[in-house]
Structure formats: structure tokens, C-alpha cells
Protein backbone atom coordinates (compact mmCIF):
# COMPACT_ATOMS: atom_id res chain seq x y z
CA MET A 1 10.67 5.69 23.42
CA THR A 2 8.85 5.05 20.15
CA ALA A 3 7.97 8.17 18.18
CA GLY A 4 4.31 8.73 17.43
CA PRO A 5 2.87 8.91 13.93
CA ASP A 6 3.77 11.96 11.85
CA ARG A 7 1.08 14.09 10.21
CA PHE A 8 1.03 12.04 7.01
CA GLN A 9 0.72 8.80 8.97
CA GLN A 10 -2.09 10.30 11.04
CA HIS A 11 -3.85 11.20 7.82
CA LEU A 12 -3.52 7.62 6.56
CA ARG A 13 -5.09 6.32 9.77
CA GLN A 14 -8.08 8.64 9.57
CA ALA A 15 -8.60 8.23 5.84
CA ALA A 16 -8.25 4.43 5.91
CA ALA A 17 -11.05 4.12 8.44
CA GLY A 18 -13.31 5.94 5.99
CA VAL A 19 -12.20 3.68 3.15
CA LEU A 20 -13.09 0.55 5.15
CA ALA A 21 -16.46 2.02 6.06
CA ARG A 22 -17.23 2.61 2.38
CA PHE A 23 -16.68 -0.98 1.29
CA PRO A 24 -19.90 -2.19 -0.40
CA ALA A 25 -22.15 -3.79 2.18
CA ALA A 26 -22.87 -6.72 -0.14
CA ASP A 27 -19.16 -7.60 -0.31
CA VAL A 28 -18.33 -7.33 3.40
CA PRO A 29 -19.56 -10.83 4.43
CA GLU A 30 -17.47 -12.36 1.63
CA ILE A 31 -14.18 -10.62 2.40
CA TYR A 32 -11.49 -12.96 3.73
CA ALA A 33 -8.44 -10.71 3.31
CA LEU A 34 -7.67 -7.03 2.85
CA SER A 35 -5.13 -5.80 0.31
CA PHE A 36 -2.71 -2.88 0.44
CA ARG A 37 -1.52 -2.47 -3.15
CA ILE A 38 1.39 -0.03 -3.24
CA TRP A 39 2.10 1.68 -6.54
CA ARG A 40 3.09 5.08 -7.87
CA LEU A 41 2.24 7.67 -10.53
CA ASP A 42 5.30 8.27 -12.72
CA ASP A 43 7.88 7.81 -9.94
CA ASP A 44 8.38 7.32 -6.19
CA ARG A 45 7.56 10.97 -5.47
CA HIS A 46 3.93 10.06 -6.15
CA PRO A 47 3.22 6.81 -4.26
CA TYR A 48 -0.16 5.54 -3.28
CA VAL A 49 -1.74 2.60 -1.54
CA ALA A 50 -4.99 1.19 -2.91
CA ILE A 51 -6.90 -0.29 0.03
CA GLY A 52 -9.02 -3.19 -1.14
CA TYR A 53 -9.93 -6.78 -0.48
CA ASN A 54 -10.51 -10.20 -1.94
CA THR A 55 -13.71 -12.19 -1.66
CA GLU A 56 -14.71 -15.82 -1.45
CA SER A 57 -16.52 -15.43 -4.79
CA GLN A 58 -13.38 -14.17 -6.52
CA TYR A 59 -11.43 -17.02 -4.97
CA ALA A 60 -13.98 -19.53 -6.28
CA ARG A 61 -13.70 -18.05 -9.78
CA GLU A 62 -9.90 -18.27 -9.82
CA ARG A 63 -9.41 -21.51 -7.89
CA ARG A 64 -7.55 -24.33 -9.60
CA ALA A 65 -7.57 -27.87 -8.23
CA GLU A 66 -3.80 -28.24 -8.68
CA ASP A 67 -3.02 -25.22 -6.50
CA PRO A 68 -6.01 -23.79 -4.63
CA GLY A 69 -3.70 -21.71 -2.45
CA GLU A 70 -2.55 -19.63 -5.41
CA ALA A 71 -6.02 -18.22 -6.04
CA ARG A 72 -6.47 -17.58 -2.34
CA TRP A 73 -3.16 -15.88 -1.58
CA ASN A 74 -1.51 -14.74 -4.81
CA TYR A 75 -2.54 -11.12 -5.33
CA ALA A 76 -2.33 -11.64 -9.13
CA CYS A 77 -5.58 -13.61 -8.81
CA TRP A 78 -7.33 -11.00 -6.66
CA LEU A 79 -9.69 -8.11 -7.20
CA LEU A 80 -7.35 -5.16 -7.84
CA ASP A 81 -9.26 -2.42 -9.66
CA GLY A 82 -11.65 0.24 -8.45
CA PHE A 83 -10.39 0.67 -4.88
CA GLU A 84 -9.74 4.01 -3.18
CA MET A 85 -6.17 5.32 -3.19
CA LEU A 86 -4.32 7.21 -0.46
CA GLY A 87 -0.98 8.97 -0.90
CA ASN A 88 0.54 11.61 -3.16
CA VAL A 89 -2.11 11.32 -5.86
CA PRO A 90 -4.89 13.66 -7.07
CA GLU A 91 -7.51 11.43 -5.42
CA ASP A 92 -6.03 12.31 -2.01
CA PRO A 93 -5.20 16.04 -2.00
CA ALA A 94 -4.81 16.26 1.78
CA GLY A 95 -2.50 13.26 1.80
CA SER A 96 -0.50 14.66 -1.11
CA ALA A 97 0.31 17.89 0.74
CA LEU A 98 1.24 16.05 3.92
CA PHE A 99 3.41 13.51 2.09
CA VAL A 100 5.41 16.22 0.34
CA GLU A 101 5.73 18.14 3.62
CA ARG A 102 7.07 15.09 5.43
CA ALA A 103 9.39 14.08 2.58
CA LYS A 104 10.94 17.56 2.68
CA GLU A 105 11.34 17.36 6.46
CA LEU A 106 13.20 14.06 6.02
CA GLY A 107 15.39 15.47 3.26
CA LEU A 108 13.96 12.99 0.76
CA TRP A 109 12.24 15.34 -1.67
CA CYS A 110 13.70 16.49 -4.97
CA ASP A 111 12.14 19.02 -7.32
CA ASP A 112 10.44 17.86 -10.48
CA GLY A 113 12.98 16.86 -13.11
CA PRO A 114 12.90 17.67 -16.81
CA ASP A 115 11.05 14.48 -17.69
CA ASP A 116 8.12 15.24 -15.40
CA PRO A 117 5.04 15.57 -17.66
CA ALA A 118 3.47 18.04 -15.23
CA LEU A 119 6.13 20.67 -16.01
CA PRO A 120 5.88 23.17 -18.88
CA GLU A 121 8.29 22.33 -21.71
CA ALA A 122 10.48 25.37 -21.03
CA ALA A 123 10.85 24.35 -17.39
CA ARG A 124 11.88 20.86 -18.43
CA ASP A 125 14.69 22.33 -20.50
CA GLU A 126 15.99 24.50 -17.65
CA GLN A 127 15.47 22.39 -14.54
CA ASP A 128 17.13 19.43 -12.85
CA ASP A 129 20.56 19.94 -11.36
CA THR A 130 20.25 16.69 -9.41
CA SER A 131 22.57 13.84 -10.39
CA GLY A 132 21.20 10.41 -11.25
CA ALA A 133 22.82 8.91 -8.14
CA GLU A 134 21.16 11.51 -5.92
CA GLN A 135 17.81 10.89 -7.55
CA ASP A 136 18.17 7.13 -7.10
CA GLY A 137 18.93 7.56 -3.39
CA THR A 138 16.01 9.93 -2.93
CA SER A 139 13.65 7.58 -4.75
CA GLU A 140 14.70 4.62 -2.59
CA GLY A 141 14.26 6.66 0.57
CA LEU A 142 10.81 7.82 -0.47
CA TRP A 143 9.73 4.24 -1.26
CA GLU A 144 11.04 2.98 2.09
CA TYR A 145 9.27 5.75 3.98
CA PHE A 146 5.97 5.11 2.20
CA ALA A 147 6.23 1.33 2.54
CA ASP A 148 6.91 1.68 6.28
CA ALA A 149 3.95 4.04 6.57
CA CYS A 150 1.71 1.44 4.94
CA THR A 151 2.83 -1.46 7.14
CA GLY A 152 2.46 0.84 10.15
CA LEU A 153 -1.06 1.71 9.02
CA ALA A 154 -1.93 -1.99 8.83
CA ARG A 155 -0.62 -2.58 12.35
CA HIS A 156 -2.67 0.37 13.59
CA LEU A 157 -5.86 -0.94 12.00
CA HIS A 158 -5.33 -4.23 13.83
CA ALA A 159 -4.25 -2.77 17.18
CA SER A 160 -7.01 -0.17 17.27
CA GLY A 161 -9.72 -2.74 16.59
CA LEU A 162 -10.98 -0.74 13.61
CA ILE A 163 -11.11 -3.73 11.27
CA GLU A 164 -13.29 -5.69 13.68
CA GLU A 165 -15.39 -2.63 14.48
CA ILE A 166 -16.10 -1.75 10.85
CA LEU A 167 -16.04 -5.16 9.12
CA GLY A 168 -17.17 -7.36 12.01
CA ARG A 169 -14.14 -9.63 12.38
CA PRO A 170 -10.34 -9.61 12.24
CA LEU A 171 -8.96 -9.98 8.71
CA PRO A 172 -5.39 -10.36 7.42
CA ILE A 173 -3.88 -7.53 5.36
CA VAL A 174 -1.67 -8.57 2.45
CA VAL A 175 0.77 -5.74 1.60
CA PHE A 176 2.46 -5.83 -1.81
CA ASP A 177 4.18 -3.81 -4.51
CA MET A 178 4.19 -5.40 -7.97
CA ASP A 179 7.58 -3.82 -8.60
CA CYS A 180 9.04 -5.75 -5.64
CA PRO A 181 8.22 -9.45 -6.15
CA GLY A 182 8.69 -11.46 -2.97
CA TRP A 183 8.61 -8.41 -0.68
CA GLU A 184 4.97 -9.12 0.14
CA VAL A 185 6.06 -11.86 2.56
CA GLU A 186 8.22 -9.52 4.65
CA ALA A 187 5.66 -6.72 4.43
CA THR A 188 2.68 -8.89 5.32
CA GLU A 189 4.50 -10.41 8.29
CA ALA A 190 5.31 -6.89 9.52
CA ALA A 191 1.71 -5.77 9.04
CA ASN A 192 -0.23 -8.49 10.86
CA PRO A 193 -0.49 -10.42 14.12
CA PRO A 194 1.10 -13.84 13.40
CA GLY A 195 -2.03 -15.95 13.81
CA LEU A 196 -3.94 -14.11 11.10
CA ILE A 197 -1.58 -14.94 8.25
CA THR A 198 -0.93 -18.65 8.79
CA GLY A 199 -2.61 -19.61 5.51
CA PHE A 200 -0.74 -16.94 3.58
CA LEU A 201 2.63 -17.99 5.00
CA ASP A 202 1.96 -21.71 4.53
CA TRP A 203 1.26 -21.15 0.84
CA GLN A 204 4.29 -18.89 0.40
CA ARG A 205 6.57 -21.46 2.06
CA ALA A 206 5.15 -24.21 -0.15
CA GLN A 207 6.21 -22.23 -3.23
CA GLY A 208 9.79 -22.31 -2.05
CA ALA A 209 9.80 -26.03 -1.22
């Protein structure tokens, strides 16, 4: 039996619906793909996903005759700034508390180390008994949990019909982390019904030809 969403994942579902509803009305008819840009503040204890989109106008600006697919499907050519962020970041206080709570439940949380700029200087001198190997394992586990939560969120937005309800039509979601080049193929396949990402996959396969 598949476990249901945890409290952090439930928060992502509710908050993401609001994010989609706040997309500028003038942009909605032009959107051809949604973007889940995963990043972090300082380290993997503070991940976020910026939920955005790309438009036909942006594609037209970036399009090159020699490789039109790059402008359409390479996130480096997309609109990336100014989108709402969900996760363990100040912009999402409810999500921050729930992410830390869940990370602790999973045994993935470590206290702030001495290099954390949020700590007073004296605390930086005294704290951090965690070995580098333990920190590396914790960081990897936190990234994997958050990445899975984001692909699960994308699947939920499709399965629930929220994308069609709010934006008027089904749209592919490209999931990526700029620190993990190439992972966007695996993540986007996991996040979408197959028929929605044919163009994305065709262009990705052509790059490897």
C-alpha cells in the first residue's frame, strides 16, 4: 500500500495551487511548459523549488535556426527569475517548519554547523560535532527527499487536474537542478504523463545522438 503524502508534501500541494493561480493573466495563454527549478540557500538544509513557466514569446526571443529545440526545452534559455519559491526558505515560513520537522523525523537533519552565517560567531566556534562524512550523507538524503517531493508534487498537479483547472489545459512540467546537469531528463520523466513530454524527450535524445 502506497503511503500518503506527509505534512510537508501536503503543504507543497496546497501552496502550489495558489502559485499557479497567481500567474499573471496576460502570460497564461502563452505558457507552453511549467518549470520546477530546484535550488538551495547555503546548503541542502534549505532547499526550495521555484515554480514558474516559459512562454512562446520567450521562446521566440531565444530561438536559433540551427537548433530551435534548445530555446524551447533547455531551461538555460527560459524565464527563471521572479517566481514564487516553496521550501525551507524565508518566503515560505510554513513550509520551512514542516520541512525541518519531516527531516528530523527521517533522521536527515543536522544542526547548523560553524560555517552557517545565521549563527552568532561564538556559536560557530563551539558547535559542530558532526563529521564531514556524516554531513555529506545527510545532505544527500535531504536533497533526495526534496527532489522526490517535487516530482511527486508535479504528478499530483497532473493527476488532480489542477493544471487544467487553473491554466485551462494540460502542460508539461520540466523539473531541474542546475547543480545536477542531465538529471532533468529522469526527473521530468518521473513528473509527467508520457505524452506531454514528447517534444522535450525528442530534443534531449537528439543531443546525445
